[in-house]
Amino acid sequence: MAVLLLAEVNDGALNLDATAKAVTAVAALGDVHVLCAGGSAADAGADAAKIAGVAKVLVAEDASLGHRLAESTAALIVSLAGDYEHIVAPATTDAKNVLPRVAALLDVMVISDVSGVVDGATFERPIYAGNAIQTVKSSDFQKGGVDPHLDL
C-alpha cells in the first residue's frame, strides 16, 4: 500500500531538505505519494516530483490552504486517506500541528518524532530528551501522524 507524505510548503515553495529526508525515511513502507498543499503549490509539486523515491505527486491549491491552517489541511488529508496505510510528514512545526488533527479525525494513534522505521507497524522514537529509544507498535489499520524525524 502507498504512503501519503504531506510536503512542507511555505508560500508556494517546497522545503526540499525536510521533504526529501522524509521520503527517504519512509520509502521502505511502500510507494511514496507526496501531497503539496497551499494557496499556490504547483511549483512545489514540480520540485517534489524530482525527489528520488517519489512515485506520485498530488497538488492541492486553494485559498483556504494558503494560510497554513491545520484545520483545512487536515480535512484535505482525511479526504484522501482511504487509499493509504501510512500518512506521514516531516517533523516540522506545521506537520506537528496538522498530523494530530488528522489522527483524531481518523481515530488512530499519533506516532510522533519517529527516528527509525522497523516495519510497517513498528517504529522507534526518542524519549527522555533523547536519552532513550522507545519502540512503538501500532495495530491501527492506518498509521496517522507518523512524522519521520530522521537526519539522513
Protein backbone atom coordinates (compact mmCIF):
# COMPACT_ATOMS: atom_id res chain seq x y z
CA MET A 1 0.00 0.00 0.00
CA ALA A 2 1.17 3.54 -0.66
CA VAL A 3 2.31 6.19 1.82
CA LEU A 4 0.85 9.72 1.77
CA LEU A 5 3.50 12.28 2.70
CA LEU A 6 2.48 15.87 3.39
CA ALA A 7 5.23 18.04 1.92
CA GLU A 8 6.40 21.14 3.74
CA VAL A 9 5.23 24.00 1.51
CA ASN A 10 5.68 27.65 2.57
CA ASP A 11 4.47 30.48 0.33
CA GLY A 12 4.42 28.15 -2.67
CA ALA A 13 8.00 26.91 -2.15
CA LEU A 14 8.87 23.35 -1.19
CA ASN A 15 11.12 22.79 1.82
CA LEU A 16 13.20 20.36 -0.21
CA ASP A 17 15.52 19.26 2.58
CA ALA A 18 12.80 18.26 5.07
CA THR A 19 10.58 16.68 2.43
CA ALA A 20 13.39 14.69 0.78
CA LYS A 21 14.56 13.34 4.15
CA ALA A 22 11.03 12.23 4.97
CA VAL A 23 10.71 10.49 1.57
CA THR A 24 13.94 8.59 2.21
CA ALA A 25 12.84 7.66 5.73
CA VAL A 26 9.54 6.09 4.69
CA ALA A 27 10.47 4.64 1.30
CA ALA A 28 10.56 1.11 2.74
CA LEU A 29 6.87 1.36 3.69
CA GLY A 30 5.66 1.48 0.07
CA ASP A 31 5.23 3.84 -2.85
CA VAL A 32 5.53 7.42 -1.60
CA HIS A 33 2.85 9.85 -2.79
CA VAL A 34 3.70 13.45 -1.92
CA LEU A 35 0.91 15.95 -1.24
CA CYS A 36 1.82 19.60 -1.88
CA ALA A 37 -0.94 21.80 -0.47
CA GLY A 38 -1.18 25.57 -0.34
CA GLY A 39 -2.58 28.72 -1.91
CA SER A 40 -0.11 28.13 -4.74
CA ALA A 41 1.64 24.77 -4.74
CA ALA A 42 2.27 23.93 -8.40
CA ASP A 43 5.95 24.88 -8.26
CA ALA A 44 6.36 22.89 -5.05
CA GLY A 45 4.75 19.92 -6.77
CA ALA A 46 7.19 20.16 -9.67
CA ASP A 47 10.10 20.23 -7.22
CA ALA A 48 8.68 17.28 -5.23
CA ALA A 49 8.47 15.21 -8.42
CA LYS A 50 12.26 15.48 -8.75
CA ILE A 51 12.92 13.81 -5.37
CA ALA A 52 14.27 10.28 -5.69
CA GLY A 53 11.73 7.75 -4.40
CA VAL A 54 8.58 9.77 -5.11
CA ALA A 55 6.09 7.65 -7.03
CA LYS A 56 3.33 10.27 -7.38
CA VAL A 57 2.74 13.95 -6.59
CA LEU A 58 -0.64 15.35 -5.62
CA VAL A 59 -1.10 19.13 -5.75
CA ALA A 60 -3.93 20.90 -3.92
CA GLU A 61 -4.27 24.64 -4.47
CA ASP A 62 -6.95 26.64 -2.74
CA ALA A 63 -7.15 29.92 -0.87
CA SER A 64 -8.18 28.02 2.28
CA LEU A 65 -4.84 26.19 2.21
CA GLY A 66 -2.78 29.32 1.67
CA HIS A 67 -2.52 30.41 5.30
CA ARG A 68 -1.10 27.11 6.58
CA LEU A 69 -4.09 26.49 8.84
CA ALA A 70 -4.21 22.99 10.28
CA GLU A 71 -7.97 22.53 10.01
CA SER A 72 -8.27 22.88 6.24
CA THR A 73 -5.10 20.86 5.60
CA ALA A 74 -6.25 18.08 7.94
CA ALA A 75 -9.65 17.92 6.22
CA LEU A 76 -7.91 17.58 2.85
CA ILE A 77 -5.68 14.76 4.09
CA VAL A 78 -8.61 12.90 5.65
CA SER A 79 -10.48 13.12 2.34
CA LEU A 80 -7.51 11.39 0.67
CA ALA A 81 -6.73 8.94 3.49
CA GLY A 82 -8.76 5.97 2.26
CA ASP A 83 -6.06 4.79 -0.14
CA TYR A 84 -3.16 4.99 2.33
CA GLU A 85 -1.98 2.87 5.25
CA HIS A 86 0.59 5.45 6.38
CA ILE A 87 0.15 9.22 6.49
CA VAL A 88 3.40 10.99 7.25
CA ALA A 89 5.11 14.38 7.17
CA PRO A 90 8.50 15.82 8.06
CA ALA A 91 8.85 16.68 11.77
CA THR A 92 8.21 20.40 11.32
CA THR A 93 6.00 22.81 13.24
CA ASP A 94 3.33 22.74 10.54
CA ALA A 95 3.20 18.94 10.49
CA LYS A 96 3.11 18.76 14.28
CA ASN A 97 0.02 20.96 14.10
CA VAL A 98 -1.70 19.07 11.25
CA LEU A 99 -0.99 15.39 11.92
CA PRO A 100 -2.58 15.12 15.39
CA ARG A 101 -5.77 16.55 13.88
CA VAL A 102 -5.60 14.03 11.05
CA ALA A 103 -5.08 11.18 13.51
CA ALA A 104 -8.01 12.37 15.64
CA LEU A 105 -10.32 12.59 12.63
CA LEU A 106 -9.26 9.09 11.54
CA ASP A 107 -9.46 7.78 15.13
CA VAL A 108 -5.92 6.40 15.05
CA MET A 109 -2.86 6.75 17.25
CA VAL A 110 -0.33 9.50 16.57
CA ILE A 111 3.26 8.32 16.33
CA SER A 112 5.48 11.38 16.54
CA ASP A 113 9.21 12.06 16.18
CA VAL A 114 10.00 8.75 14.53
CA SER A 115 13.74 8.12 14.39
CA GLY A 116 13.58 4.67 12.81
CA VAL A 117 11.17 2.51 10.84
CA VAL A 118 11.38 -1.15 11.89
CA ASP A 119 8.48 -2.36 9.74
CA GLY A 120 5.07 -1.17 8.60
CA ALA A 121 3.65 -1.21 12.14
CA THR A 122 6.74 -0.74 14.35
CA PHE A 123 8.64 2.50 14.81
CA GLU A 124 11.40 3.85 17.04
CA ARG A 125 11.20 7.25 18.70
CA PRO A 126 13.32 9.07 21.26
CA ILE A 127 12.05 9.68 24.79
CA TYR A 128 13.52 11.27 27.92
CA ALA A 129 15.09 14.16 25.99
CA GLY A 130 16.63 11.71 23.53
CA ASN A 131 18.39 9.65 26.19
CA ALA A 132 16.35 6.51 25.45
CA ILE A 133 14.71 4.99 22.39
CA GLN A 134 11.16 3.70 22.61
CA THR A 135 9.80 1.09 20.19
CA VAL A 136 6.15 1.70 19.35
CA LYS A 137 3.90 -0.77 17.56
CA SER A 138 0.53 0.27 16.19
CA SER A 139 -2.31 -2.12 15.43
CA ASP A 140 -4.33 0.64 13.72
CA PHE A 141 -5.09 -0.02 10.06
CA GLN A 142 -3.94 3.49 9.20
CA LYS A 143 -0.86 4.92 10.85
CA GLY A 144 -1.74 8.60 11.09
CA GLY A 145 0.73 11.11 12.29
CA VAL A 146 3.97 9.28 11.63
CA ASP A 147 6.41 12.16 11.27
CA PRO A 148 9.89 10.97 10.47
CA HIS A 149 12.47 12.98 12.35
CA LEU A 150 15.48 11.41 10.71
CA ASP A 151 18.56 13.31 9.72
CA LEU A 152 19.62 11.22 6.76
